[in-house]
Amino acid sequence: MAAFDDARALLRASVLDCFSNAMLATAPDGTPSPFRGYVRRQETESRTVYSLMTDDDLPELSTLEYKGKPYQLVFQGPAQGRGNDESQLIRQYTMNLIQTGVKRGWSEYTDGG
């Protein structure tokens, strides 16, 4: 089994070396967490959703600055491949845009009302 684990680690490193960038997330307590990963963009009719793909285990509800906007990271699970296969290599985090006008968790006004 050690040879399989070594091969999986090598594949994981190769994928991240080819497609990832050095990034920095901030844990809820303010601790910086450097990691390697990449952002995958998915578009539907009028909505764009970003997912962070990484091998690193990031603290729950960490934040990440992407294209000048702050996002909160929520662990989604193993990345989904084509079909029903789940990745044993990459973790997927949903990136939720942090709205500056939101207070107490919700607001219909841009200033937080």
N, C-alpha and C. Protein backbone atom coordinates (compact mmCIF):
# COMPACT_ATOMS: atom_id res chain seq x y z
N MET A 1 0.82 -1.19 0.00
CA MET A 1 0.00 0.00 0.00
C MET A 1 0.87 1.26 0.00
N ALA A 2 2.06 1.17 0.47
CA ALA A 2 2.94 2.33 0.52
C ALA A 2 3.26 2.84 -0.87
N ALA A 3 3.42 1.94 -1.83
CA ALA A 3 3.71 2.36 -3.21
C ALA A 3 2.52 3.13 -3.78
N PHE A 4 1.29 2.69 -3.48
CA PHE A 4 0.10 3.39 -3.95
C PHE A 4 0.03 4.79 -3.34
N ASP A 5 0.28 4.89 -2.03
CA ASP A 5 0.26 6.19 -1.36
C ASP A 5 1.33 7.12 -1.92
N ASP A 6 2.50 6.58 -2.21
CA ASP A 6 3.57 7.38 -2.80
C ASP A 6 3.17 7.87 -4.19
N ALA A 7 2.56 7.01 -4.98
CA ALA A 7 2.12 7.39 -6.32
C ALA A 7 1.03 8.46 -6.26
N ARG A 8 0.11 8.32 -5.32
CA ARG A 8 -0.95 9.32 -5.17
C ARG A 8 -0.37 10.66 -4.75
N ALA A 9 0.59 10.66 -3.85
CA ALA A 9 1.24 11.90 -3.42
C ALA A 9 1.99 12.56 -4.58
N LEU A 10 2.63 11.76 -5.40
CA LEU A 10 3.35 12.29 -6.56
C LEU A 10 2.37 12.89 -7.57
N LEU A 11 1.26 12.23 -7.80
CA LEU A 11 0.24 12.74 -8.72
C LEU A 11 -0.35 14.05 -8.18
N ARG A 12 -0.65 14.09 -6.90
CA ARG A 12 -1.19 15.30 -6.27
C ARG A 12 -0.22 16.46 -6.44
N ALA A 13 1.05 16.22 -6.18
CA ALA A 13 2.07 17.27 -6.33
C ALA A 13 2.18 17.73 -7.78
N SER A 14 2.09 16.80 -8.71
CA SER A 14 2.19 17.15 -10.13
C SER A 14 1.02 18.01 -10.58
N VAL A 15 -0.20 17.65 -10.17
CA VAL A 15 -1.38 18.43 -10.53
C VAL A 15 -1.24 19.85 -9.99
N LEU A 16 -0.87 19.97 -8.72
CA LEU A 16 -0.77 21.30 -8.12
C LEU A 16 0.39 22.10 -8.71
N ASP A 17 1.49 21.45 -9.05
CA ASP A 17 2.61 22.16 -9.68
C ASP A 17 2.21 22.72 -11.03
N CYS A 18 1.41 21.99 -11.78
CA CYS A 18 1.02 22.42 -13.12
C CYS A 18 -0.07 23.49 -13.12
N PHE A 19 -1.00 23.41 -12.18
CA PHE A 19 -2.18 24.26 -12.26
C PHE A 19 -2.33 25.26 -11.12
N SER A 20 -1.52 25.20 -10.10
CA SER A 20 -1.78 26.02 -8.92
C SER A 20 -0.84 27.22 -8.82
N ASN A 21 -1.21 28.11 -7.91
CA ASN A 21 -0.43 29.29 -7.57
C ASN A 21 -0.27 29.34 -6.06
N ALA A 22 0.75 30.05 -5.61
CA ALA A 22 0.89 30.30 -4.18
C ALA A 22 -0.20 31.29 -3.77
N MET A 23 -0.94 30.96 -2.72
CA MET A 23 -2.04 31.81 -2.26
C MET A 23 -1.95 31.96 -0.74
N LEU A 24 -2.73 32.90 -0.22
CA LEU A 24 -2.73 33.13 1.21
C LEU A 24 -4.17 33.31 1.70
N ALA A 25 -4.58 32.43 2.58
CA ALA A 25 -5.89 32.54 3.23
C ALA A 25 -5.67 33.06 4.64
N THR A 26 -6.70 33.66 5.21
CA THR A 26 -6.63 34.16 6.58
C THR A 26 -7.66 33.41 7.41
N ALA A 27 -7.19 32.75 8.47
CA ALA A 27 -8.09 32.01 9.36
C ALA A 27 -8.97 33.00 10.12
N PRO A 28 -10.10 32.55 10.67
CA PRO A 28 -10.99 33.44 11.42
C PRO A 28 -10.29 34.17 12.58
N ASP A 29 -9.25 33.56 13.15
CA ASP A 29 -8.52 34.22 14.25
C ASP A 29 -7.44 35.17 13.75
N GLY A 30 -7.33 35.35 12.41
CA GLY A 30 -6.36 36.27 11.84
C GLY A 30 -5.04 35.65 11.45
N THR A 31 -4.86 34.37 11.69
CA THR A 31 -3.63 33.68 11.35
C THR A 31 -3.54 33.46 9.84
N PRO A 32 -2.45 33.90 9.20
CA PRO A 32 -2.31 33.66 7.76
C PRO A 32 -2.01 32.18 7.48
N SER A 33 -2.57 31.65 6.42
CA SER A 33 -2.36 30.25 6.03
C SER A 33 -1.91 30.20 4.57
N PRO A 34 -0.60 30.13 4.32
CA PRO A 34 -0.15 30.01 2.94
C PRO A 34 -0.45 28.61 2.40
N PHE A 35 -0.81 28.53 1.11
CA PHE A 35 -1.12 27.24 0.49
C PHE A 35 -0.97 27.38 -1.01
N ARG A 36 -1.06 26.25 -1.70
CA ARG A 36 -1.06 26.24 -3.17
C ARG A 36 -2.42 25.76 -3.63
N GLY A 37 -2.96 26.43 -4.63
CA GLY A 37 -4.26 26.03 -5.15
C GLY A 37 -4.60 26.82 -6.40
N TYR A 38 -5.79 26.60 -6.92
CA TYR A 38 -6.27 27.36 -8.06
C TYR A 38 -7.77 27.56 -7.95
N VAL A 39 -8.25 28.61 -8.60
CA VAL A 39 -9.67 28.94 -8.57
C VAL A 39 -10.31 28.48 -9.87
N ARG A 40 -11.41 27.77 -9.72
CA ARG A 40 -12.17 27.30 -10.88
C ARG A 40 -13.45 28.13 -10.96
N ARG A 41 -13.70 28.64 -12.14
CA ARG A 41 -14.87 29.49 -12.38
C ARG A 41 -15.94 28.68 -13.11
N GLN A 42 -17.17 28.78 -12.61
CA GLN A 42 -18.30 28.12 -13.26
C GLN A 42 -19.39 29.17 -13.48
N GLU A 43 -19.93 29.19 -14.67
CA GLU A 43 -20.97 30.16 -14.99
C GLU A 43 -22.28 29.45 -15.30
N THR A 44 -23.36 30.02 -14.78
CA THR A 44 -24.69 29.61 -15.18
C THR A 44 -25.28 30.78 -15.96
N GLU A 45 -26.56 30.83 -16.15
CA GLU A 45 -27.18 31.86 -16.98
C GLU A 45 -26.76 33.27 -16.59
N SER A 46 -26.89 33.64 -15.35
CA SER A 46 -26.56 35.00 -14.94
C SER A 46 -25.69 35.04 -13.68
N ARG A 47 -25.10 33.93 -13.35
CA ARG A 47 -24.36 33.86 -12.08
C ARG A 47 -23.02 33.19 -12.30
N THR A 48 -22.00 33.73 -11.62
CA THR A 48 -20.67 33.14 -11.65
C THR A 48 -20.35 32.62 -10.26
N VAL A 49 -19.91 31.38 -10.20
CA VAL A 49 -19.55 30.75 -8.93
C VAL A 49 -18.08 30.37 -9.00
N TYR A 50 -17.35 30.71 -7.93
CA TYR A 50 -15.94 30.37 -7.86
C TYR A 50 -15.73 29.26 -6.83
N SER A 51 -14.87 28.33 -7.18
CA SER A 51 -14.49 27.25 -6.26
C SER A 51 -12.97 27.25 -6.15
N LEU A 52 -12.48 27.04 -4.95
CA LEU A 52 -11.04 26.93 -4.71
C LEU A 52 -10.68 25.45 -4.66
N MET A 53 -9.70 25.07 -5.46
CA MET A 53 -9.23 23.70 -5.49
C MET A 53 -7.83 23.67 -4.87
N THR A 54 -7.64 22.82 -3.88
CA THR A 54 -6.34 22.74 -3.21
C THR A 54 -6.18 21.37 -2.55
N ASP A 55 -4.96 21.04 -2.25
CA ASP A 55 -4.67 19.82 -1.51
C ASP A 55 -4.62 20.12 -0.01
N ASP A 56 -4.49 21.38 0.34
CA ASP A 56 -4.33 21.76 1.75
C ASP A 56 -5.65 21.77 2.49
N ASP A 57 -5.58 21.47 3.76
CA ASP A 57 -6.73 21.50 4.65
C ASP A 57 -6.75 22.88 5.32
N LEU A 58 -7.62 23.76 4.86
CA LEU A 58 -7.66 25.13 5.37
C LEU A 58 -8.63 25.23 6.54
N PRO A 59 -8.37 26.14 7.49
CA PRO A 59 -9.29 26.33 8.61
C PRO A 59 -10.69 26.72 8.12
N GLU A 60 -11.70 26.17 8.75
CA GLU A 60 -13.09 26.46 8.37
C GLU A 60 -13.36 27.95 8.45
N LEU A 61 -14.07 28.48 7.45
CA LEU A 61 -14.46 29.88 7.34
C LEU A 61 -13.28 30.84 7.21
N SER A 62 -12.20 30.36 6.60
CA SER A 62 -11.09 31.24 6.28
C SER A 62 -11.53 32.21 5.20
N THR A 63 -10.78 33.30 5.03
CA THR A 63 -11.08 34.25 3.97
C THR A 63 -9.93 34.29 2.98
N LEU A 64 -10.26 34.68 1.75
CA LEU A 64 -9.29 34.74 0.67
C LEU A 64 -9.62 35.95 -0.20
N GLU A 65 -8.62 36.73 -0.53
CA GLU A 65 -8.80 37.86 -1.44
C GLU A 65 -8.58 37.34 -2.86
N TYR A 66 -9.57 37.53 -3.74
CA TYR A 66 -9.46 37.07 -5.12
C TYR A 66 -10.00 38.16 -6.04
N LYS A 67 -9.18 38.60 -6.97
CA LYS A 67 -9.52 39.68 -7.91
C LYS A 67 -10.03 40.91 -7.17
N GLY A 68 -9.37 41.23 -6.05
CA GLY A 68 -9.69 42.43 -5.29
C GLY A 68 -10.93 42.35 -4.43
N LYS A 69 -11.54 41.17 -4.31
CA LYS A 69 -12.74 41.01 -3.50
C LYS A 69 -12.52 39.94 -2.43
N PRO A 70 -13.09 40.15 -1.23
CA PRO A 70 -12.93 39.16 -0.16
C PRO A 70 -13.96 38.03 -0.28
N TYR A 71 -13.50 36.81 -0.10
CA TYR A 71 -14.37 35.63 -0.14
C TYR A 71 -14.17 34.80 1.12
N GLN A 72 -15.24 34.21 1.61
CA GLN A 72 -15.16 33.27 2.72
C GLN A 72 -15.16 31.87 2.12
N LEU A 73 -14.27 31.02 2.63
CA LEU A 73 -14.11 29.66 2.11
C LEU A 73 -14.91 28.67 2.95
N VAL A 74 -15.71 27.86 2.27
CA VAL A 74 -16.50 26.82 2.93
C VAL A 74 -16.15 25.49 2.28
N PHE A 75 -15.70 24.54 3.10
CA PHE A 75 -15.30 23.24 2.57
C PHE A 75 -16.50 22.54 1.95
N GLN A 76 -16.34 22.15 0.69
CA GLN A 76 -17.41 21.49 -0.04
C GLN A 76 -17.25 19.98 -0.03
N GLY A 77 -16.00 19.51 0.00
CA GLY A 77 -15.73 18.08 -0.04
C GLY A 77 -14.67 17.79 -1.07
N PRO A 78 -14.47 16.51 -1.37
CA PRO A 78 -13.53 16.17 -2.44
C PRO A 78 -14.04 16.73 -3.76
N ALA A 79 -13.12 17.18 -4.59
CA ALA A 79 -13.52 17.72 -5.90
C ALA A 79 -14.23 16.64 -6.70
N GLN A 80 -15.24 17.04 -7.44
CA GLN A 80 -15.99 16.11 -8.29
C GLN A 80 -15.33 16.03 -9.66
N GLY A 81 -15.10 14.84 -10.11
CA GLY A 81 -14.58 14.64 -11.45
C GLY A 81 -15.73 14.55 -12.43
N ARG A 82 -15.44 14.13 -13.61
CA ARG A 82 -16.52 13.93 -14.58
C ARG A 82 -17.25 12.65 -14.20
N GLY A 83 -18.54 12.68 -14.31
CA GLY A 83 -19.33 11.53 -13.89
C GLY A 83 -19.57 11.58 -12.40
N ASN A 84 -19.51 10.45 -11.74
CA ASN A 84 -19.77 10.37 -10.30
C ASN A 84 -18.51 10.21 -9.47
N ASP A 85 -17.36 10.31 -10.10
CA ASP A 85 -16.10 10.08 -9.39
C ASP A 85 -15.74 11.25 -8.50
N GLU A 86 -15.26 10.95 -7.28
CA GLU A 86 -14.74 11.96 -6.38
C GLU A 86 -13.23 11.88 -6.38
N SER A 87 -12.60 13.04 -6.32
CA SER A 87 -11.15 13.10 -6.31
C SER A 87 -10.61 12.67 -4.95
N GLN A 88 -9.56 11.88 -4.97
CA GLN A 88 -8.86 11.54 -3.74
C GLN A 88 -7.64 12.44 -3.60
N LEU A 89 -7.52 13.40 -4.51
CA LEU A 89 -6.34 14.26 -4.53
C LEU A 89 -6.61 15.70 -4.13
N ILE A 90 -7.74 16.23 -4.51
CA ILE A 90 -7.99 17.66 -4.39
C ILE A 90 -9.24 17.93 -3.55
N ARG A 91 -9.14 18.92 -2.66
CA ARG A 91 -10.29 19.38 -1.87
C ARG A 91 -10.91 20.58 -2.58
N GLN A 92 -12.22 20.72 -2.45
CA GLN A 92 -12.92 21.83 -3.07
C GLN A 92 -13.57 22.69 -1.99
N TYR A 93 -13.35 24.00 -2.10
CA TYR A 93 -13.96 24.98 -1.20
C TYR A 93 -14.83 25.92 -2.02
N THR A 94 -16.04 26.16 -1.58
CA THR A 94 -16.90 27.15 -2.23
C THR A 94 -16.47 28.52 -1.74
N MET A 95 -16.38 29.48 -2.67
CA MET A 95 -15.97 30.84 -2.33
C MET A 95 -17.22 31.72 -2.28
N ASN A 96 -17.58 32.16 -1.06
CA ASN A 96 -18.75 33.03 -0.88
C ASN A 96 -18.28 34.47 -0.75
N LEU A 97 -18.76 35.33 -1.63
CA LEU A 97 -18.39 36.74 -1.60
C LEU A 97 -18.86 37.37 -0.30
N ILE A 98 -17.97 38.09 0.36
CA ILE A 98 -18.32 38.78 1.60
C ILE A 98 -18.84 40.16 1.22
N GLN A 99 -20.09 40.42 1.50
CA GLN A 99 -20.72 41.70 1.18
C GLN A 99 -20.44 42.68 2.31
N THR A 100 -19.95 43.85 1.97
CA THR A 100 -19.61 44.84 3.00
C THR A 100 -20.84 45.45 3.65
N GLY A 101 -21.99 45.45 2.97
CA GLY A 101 -23.20 46.06 3.52
C GLY A 101 -24.00 45.13 4.40
N VAL A 102 -23.58 43.89 4.55
CA VAL A 102 -24.37 42.93 5.30
C VAL A 102 -24.06 43.02 6.79
N LYS A 103 -25.08 43.11 7.59
CA LYS A 103 -24.94 43.09 9.05
C LYS A 103 -25.91 42.05 9.59
N ARG A 104 -25.56 41.42 10.68
CA ARG A 104 -26.39 40.42 11.32
C ARG A 104 -26.75 39.29 10.35
N GLY A 105 -25.87 39.05 9.36
CA GLY A 105 -26.08 37.93 8.46
C GLY A 105 -26.91 38.20 7.23
N TRP A 106 -27.66 39.31 7.18
CA TRP A 106 -28.43 39.60 5.97
C TRP A 106 -28.78 41.08 5.93
N SER A 107 -29.07 41.58 4.76
CA SER A 107 -29.54 42.94 4.60
C SER A 107 -30.03 43.14 3.18
N GLU A 108 -31.12 43.86 3.01
CA GLU A 108 -31.58 44.17 1.67
C GLU A 108 -31.04 45.52 1.22
N TYR A 109 -30.36 46.24 2.11
CA TYR A 109 -29.80 47.55 1.80
C TYR A 109 -28.30 47.46 1.66
N THR A 110 -27.74 48.24 0.75
CA THR A 110 -26.30 48.18 0.53
C THR A 110 -25.50 48.73 1.71
N ASP A 111 -26.12 49.60 2.53
CA ASP A 111 -25.41 50.13 3.69
C ASP A 111 -25.66 49.31 4.95
N GLY A 112 -26.35 48.20 4.85
CA GLY A 112 -26.61 47.34 5.99
C GLY A 112 -27.90 47.66 6.70
N GLY A 113 -28.55 48.76 6.34
CA GLY A 113 -29.87 49.12 6.85
C GLY A 113 -29.94 49.12 8.31
